[in-house]
Amino acid sequence: MAVVSIFVGNLPWATTDEDLHELFSQFGEVKRSKIVLDRETNRSRGFGFVDMEEADAARAIEAWNGQPYNGRVLTVNLAQSRPARA
C-alpha cells in the first residue's frame, strides 16, 4: 500500500513532532511526523505533516479534521504537492 502525506493545520504553537506522532499513531503506523518551523525564529509555524499508509491516513483524516485539539480546531487533509518555483 502507498504511503501518503497528511497536512495538519491550525496546530497549537507548542505542539512537537512527538505530539503529532502520538496523535496520529492511534490510526496506524506513522512513518514520519514533522512540525514546520520558521527559518528565522525556529518556532512552529502552526502546521505540520504526517506520513502514513493510505488506508490509515484516510481514517486519521476522517477522525481529526475539524476536531478540537488543545484549544484549536484542526484542519487535516491530504497534502498537496508544492508547485514548482520559477
N, C-alpha and C. Protein backbone atom coordinates (compact mmCIF):
# COMPACT_ATOMS: atom_id res chain seq x y z
N MET A 1 0.84 -1.19 0.00
CA MET A 1 0.00 0.00 0.00
C MET A 1 0.88 1.25 0.00
N ALA A 2 0.40 2.31 -0.60
CA ALA A 2 1.17 3.54 -0.76
C ALA A 2 1.18 4.38 0.52
N VAL A 3 2.29 5.04 0.73
CA VAL A 3 2.42 5.98 1.84
C VAL A 3 2.04 7.36 1.30
N VAL A 4 1.19 8.07 2.06
CA VAL A 4 0.76 9.41 1.67
C VAL A 4 1.12 10.40 2.78
N SER A 5 1.13 11.67 2.42
CA SER A 5 1.44 12.72 3.37
C SER A 5 0.15 13.46 3.72
N ILE A 6 -0.04 13.67 5.02
CA ILE A 6 -1.22 14.37 5.55
C ILE A 6 -0.78 15.75 6.01
N PHE A 7 -1.53 16.78 5.61
CA PHE A 7 -1.32 18.14 6.10
C PHE A 7 -2.14 18.30 7.38
N VAL A 8 -1.53 18.84 8.43
CA VAL A 8 -2.23 19.11 9.69
C VAL A 8 -2.03 20.59 10.00
N GLY A 9 -3.12 21.36 9.91
CA GLY A 9 -3.03 22.79 10.11
C GLY A 9 -3.76 23.27 11.35
N ASN A 10 -3.47 24.49 11.74
CA ASN A 10 -4.05 25.16 12.91
C ASN A 10 -3.63 24.48 14.21
N LEU A 11 -2.39 23.98 14.22
CA LEU A 11 -1.87 23.33 15.43
C LEU A 11 -1.51 24.37 16.48
N PRO A 12 -1.69 24.02 17.76
CA PRO A 12 -1.20 24.91 18.82
C PRO A 12 0.32 25.10 18.67
N TRP A 13 0.82 26.27 18.99
CA TRP A 13 2.24 26.59 18.80
C TRP A 13 3.16 25.64 19.55
N ALA A 14 2.73 25.10 20.67
CA ALA A 14 3.60 24.25 21.49
C ALA A 14 3.66 22.80 21.02
N THR A 15 2.91 22.44 19.98
CA THR A 15 2.89 21.06 19.51
C THR A 15 4.26 20.65 18.97
N THR A 16 4.73 19.45 19.37
CA THR A 16 6.03 18.95 18.93
C THR A 16 5.85 17.83 17.90
N ASP A 17 6.96 17.44 17.27
CA ASP A 17 6.93 16.30 16.35
C ASP A 17 6.40 15.06 17.06
N GLU A 18 6.82 14.88 18.31
CA GLU A 18 6.39 13.71 19.09
C GLU A 18 4.88 13.75 19.37
N ASP A 19 4.36 14.94 19.68
CA ASP A 19 2.92 15.09 19.91
C ASP A 19 2.14 14.69 18.66
N LEU A 20 2.61 15.15 17.52
CA LEU A 20 1.96 14.86 16.24
C LEU A 20 2.00 13.35 15.96
N HIS A 21 3.13 12.73 16.24
CA HIS A 21 3.29 11.29 16.06
C HIS A 21 2.28 10.54 16.93
N GLU A 22 2.20 10.91 18.19
CA GLU A 22 1.29 10.26 19.13
C GLU A 22 -0.17 10.46 18.72
N LEU A 23 -0.51 11.64 18.26
CA LEU A 23 -1.87 11.97 17.86
C LEU A 23 -2.36 11.07 16.72
N PHE A 24 -1.47 10.77 15.77
CA PHE A 24 -1.87 10.00 14.60
C PHE A 24 -1.57 8.51 14.70
N SER A 25 -0.72 8.10 15.62
CA SER A 25 -0.34 6.68 15.72
C SER A 25 -1.50 5.79 16.15
N GLN A 26 -2.56 6.36 16.71
CA GLN A 26 -3.72 5.55 17.08
C GLN A 26 -4.46 5.01 15.85
N PHE A 27 -4.13 5.52 14.67
CA PHE A 27 -4.78 5.08 13.43
C PHE A 27 -3.90 4.19 12.58
N GLY A 28 -2.67 3.95 13.01
CA GLY A 28 -1.75 3.09 12.27
C GLY A 28 -0.33 3.58 12.44
N GLU A 29 0.58 2.93 11.73
CA GLU A 29 2.00 3.27 11.85
C GLU A 29 2.29 4.61 11.19
N VAL A 30 2.90 5.50 11.97
CA VAL A 30 3.32 6.79 11.46
C VAL A 30 4.75 6.64 10.96
N LYS A 31 4.95 6.86 9.67
CA LYS A 31 6.28 6.75 9.08
C LYS A 31 7.15 7.96 9.42
N ARG A 32 6.51 9.14 9.46
CA ARG A 32 7.22 10.38 9.75
C ARG A 32 6.22 11.41 10.23
N SER A 33 6.63 12.23 11.19
CA SER A 33 5.81 13.36 11.62
C SER A 33 6.74 14.56 11.77
N LYS A 34 6.32 15.69 11.24
CA LYS A 34 7.20 16.86 11.24
C LYS A 34 6.40 18.15 11.38
N ILE A 35 6.72 18.93 12.40
CA ILE A 35 6.17 20.27 12.56
C ILE A 35 7.05 21.21 11.73
N VAL A 36 6.44 22.09 10.95
CA VAL A 36 7.20 23.04 10.13
C VAL A 36 7.59 24.23 11.00
N LEU A 37 8.89 24.54 10.98
CA LEU A 37 9.43 25.62 11.81
C LEU A 37 9.79 26.82 10.95
N ASP A 38 9.65 28.01 11.54
CA ASP A 38 10.06 29.23 10.89
C ASP A 38 11.59 29.25 10.81
N ARG A 39 12.15 29.57 9.67
CA ARG A 39 13.60 29.56 9.47
C ARG A 39 14.33 30.55 10.37
N GLU A 40 13.73 31.71 10.59
CA GLU A 40 14.41 32.75 11.34
C GLU A 40 14.29 32.58 12.85
N THR A 41 13.10 32.21 13.32
CA THR A 41 12.88 32.13 14.77
C THR A 41 12.98 30.70 15.31
N ASN A 42 12.93 29.71 14.43
CA ASN A 42 12.94 28.29 14.80
C ASN A 42 11.73 27.91 15.66
N ARG A 43 10.65 28.68 15.53
CA ARG A 43 9.41 28.39 16.24
C ARG A 43 8.41 27.79 15.27
N SER A 44 7.44 27.05 15.81
CA SER A 44 6.42 26.41 14.99
C SER A 44 5.67 27.43 14.15
N ARG A 45 5.33 27.02 12.92
CA ARG A 45 4.51 27.87 12.05
C ARG A 45 3.04 27.48 12.17
N GLY A 46 2.72 26.52 13.04
CA GLY A 46 1.33 26.15 13.30
C GLY A 46 0.78 25.07 12.38
N PHE A 47 1.68 24.41 11.64
CA PHE A 47 1.23 23.29 10.82
C PHE A 47 2.35 22.26 10.68
N GLY A 48 1.96 21.08 10.22
CA GLY A 48 2.94 20.02 10.06
C GLY A 48 2.44 18.96 9.10
N PHE A 49 3.22 17.90 8.97
CA PHE A 49 2.89 16.82 8.05
C PHE A 49 3.11 15.48 8.73
N VAL A 50 2.27 14.52 8.37
CA VAL A 50 2.38 13.16 8.88
C VAL A 50 2.33 12.22 7.68
N ASP A 51 3.28 11.28 7.61
CA ASP A 51 3.28 10.28 6.55
C ASP A 51 2.79 8.95 7.10
N MET A 52 1.78 8.37 6.43
CA MET A 52 1.18 7.10 6.85
C MET A 52 0.73 6.31 5.62
N GLU A 53 0.42 5.03 5.83
CA GLU A 53 -0.19 4.23 4.78
C GLU A 53 -1.52 4.87 4.40
N GLU A 54 -1.90 4.74 3.14
CA GLU A 54 -3.09 5.41 2.60
C GLU A 54 -4.37 5.12 3.39
N ALA A 55 -4.64 3.85 3.72
CA ALA A 55 -5.87 3.48 4.44
C ALA A 55 -5.88 4.07 5.85
N ASP A 56 -4.72 4.02 6.54
CA ASP A 56 -4.61 4.59 7.89
C ASP A 56 -4.79 6.11 7.83
N ALA A 57 -4.21 6.72 6.81
CA ALA A 57 -4.32 8.17 6.64
C ALA A 57 -5.77 8.59 6.45
N ALA A 58 -6.52 7.84 5.67
CA ALA A 58 -7.93 8.16 5.42
C ALA A 58 -8.72 8.14 6.73
N ARG A 59 -8.45 7.15 7.58
CA ARG A 59 -9.14 7.07 8.89
C ARG A 59 -8.74 8.24 9.78
N ALA A 60 -7.46 8.59 9.78
CA ALA A 60 -6.97 9.69 10.62
C ALA A 60 -7.56 11.02 10.17
N ILE A 61 -7.62 11.23 8.86
CA ILE A 61 -8.20 12.47 8.33
C ILE A 61 -9.67 12.57 8.73
N GLU A 62 -10.40 11.48 8.56
CA GLU A 62 -11.83 11.45 8.92
C GLU A 62 -12.03 11.76 10.40
N ALA A 63 -11.15 11.22 11.24
CA ALA A 63 -11.29 11.39 12.69
C ALA A 63 -10.89 12.78 13.17
N TRP A 64 -9.83 13.38 12.62
CA TRP A 64 -9.29 14.61 13.17
C TRP A 64 -9.69 15.89 12.46
N ASN A 65 -10.08 15.84 11.19
CA ASN A 65 -10.42 17.08 10.50
C ASN A 65 -11.61 17.77 11.16
N GLY A 66 -11.43 19.04 11.54
CA GLY A 66 -12.49 19.81 12.18
C GLY A 66 -12.67 19.55 13.66
N GLN A 67 -11.80 18.74 14.24
CA GLN A 67 -11.91 18.41 15.66
C GLN A 67 -10.99 19.31 16.50
N PRO A 68 -11.39 19.58 17.75
CA PRO A 68 -10.55 20.40 18.62
C PRO A 68 -9.36 19.60 19.16
N TYR A 69 -8.23 20.30 19.26
CA TYR A 69 -7.02 19.72 19.86
C TYR A 69 -6.32 20.83 20.62
N ASN A 70 -6.26 20.70 21.93
CA ASN A 70 -5.63 21.71 22.80
C ASN A 70 -6.09 23.13 22.49
N GLY A 71 -7.40 23.30 22.33
CA GLY A 71 -7.98 24.62 22.16
C GLY A 71 -8.03 25.14 20.73
N ARG A 72 -7.57 24.36 19.76
CA ARG A 72 -7.59 24.78 18.35
C ARG A 72 -8.36 23.74 17.54
N VAL A 73 -9.08 24.17 16.52
CA VAL A 73 -9.80 23.25 15.64
C VAL A 73 -8.88 22.90 14.47
N LEU A 74 -8.55 21.62 14.34
CA LEU A 74 -7.57 21.18 13.34
C LEU A 74 -8.13 21.16 11.92
N THR A 75 -7.28 21.44 10.97
CA THR A 75 -7.55 21.24 9.55
C THR A 75 -6.65 20.09 9.13
N VAL A 76 -7.25 18.98 8.71
CA VAL A 76 -6.48 17.78 8.37
C VAL A 76 -6.95 17.27 7.02
N ASN A 77 -6.02 17.18 6.06
CA ASN A 77 -6.35 16.64 4.74
C ASN A 77 -5.10 16.12 4.05
N LEU A 78 -5.28 15.50 2.89
CA LEU A 78 -4.12 15.03 2.13
C LEU A 78 -3.29 16.24 1.71
N ALA A 79 -1.99 16.13 1.88
CA ALA A 79 -1.11 17.22 1.50
C ALA A 79 -1.08 17.35 -0.03
N GLN A 80 -1.05 18.58 -0.49
CA GLN A 80 -0.93 18.87 -1.91
C GLN A 80 0.54 19.08 -2.23
N SER A 81 0.99 18.62 -3.37
CA SER A 81 2.39 18.85 -3.73
C SER A 81 2.59 20.33 -4.03
N ARG A 82 3.76 20.82 -3.68
CA ARG A 82 4.07 22.24 -3.87
C ARG A 82 4.31 22.52 -5.35
N PRO A 83 3.78 23.62 -5.84
CA PRO A 83 4.05 23.97 -7.23
C PRO A 83 5.53 24.31 -7.42
N ALA A 84 6.06 24.05 -8.59
CA ALA A 84 7.46 24.36 -8.87
C ALA A 84 7.67 25.86 -8.82
N ARG A 85 8.79 26.26 -8.27
CA ARG A 85 9.12 27.69 -8.19
C ARG A 85 9.76 28.13 -9.49
N ALA A 86 9.46 29.36 -9.87
CA ALA A 86 10.02 29.89 -11.14
C ALA A 86 11.43 30.36 -10.96
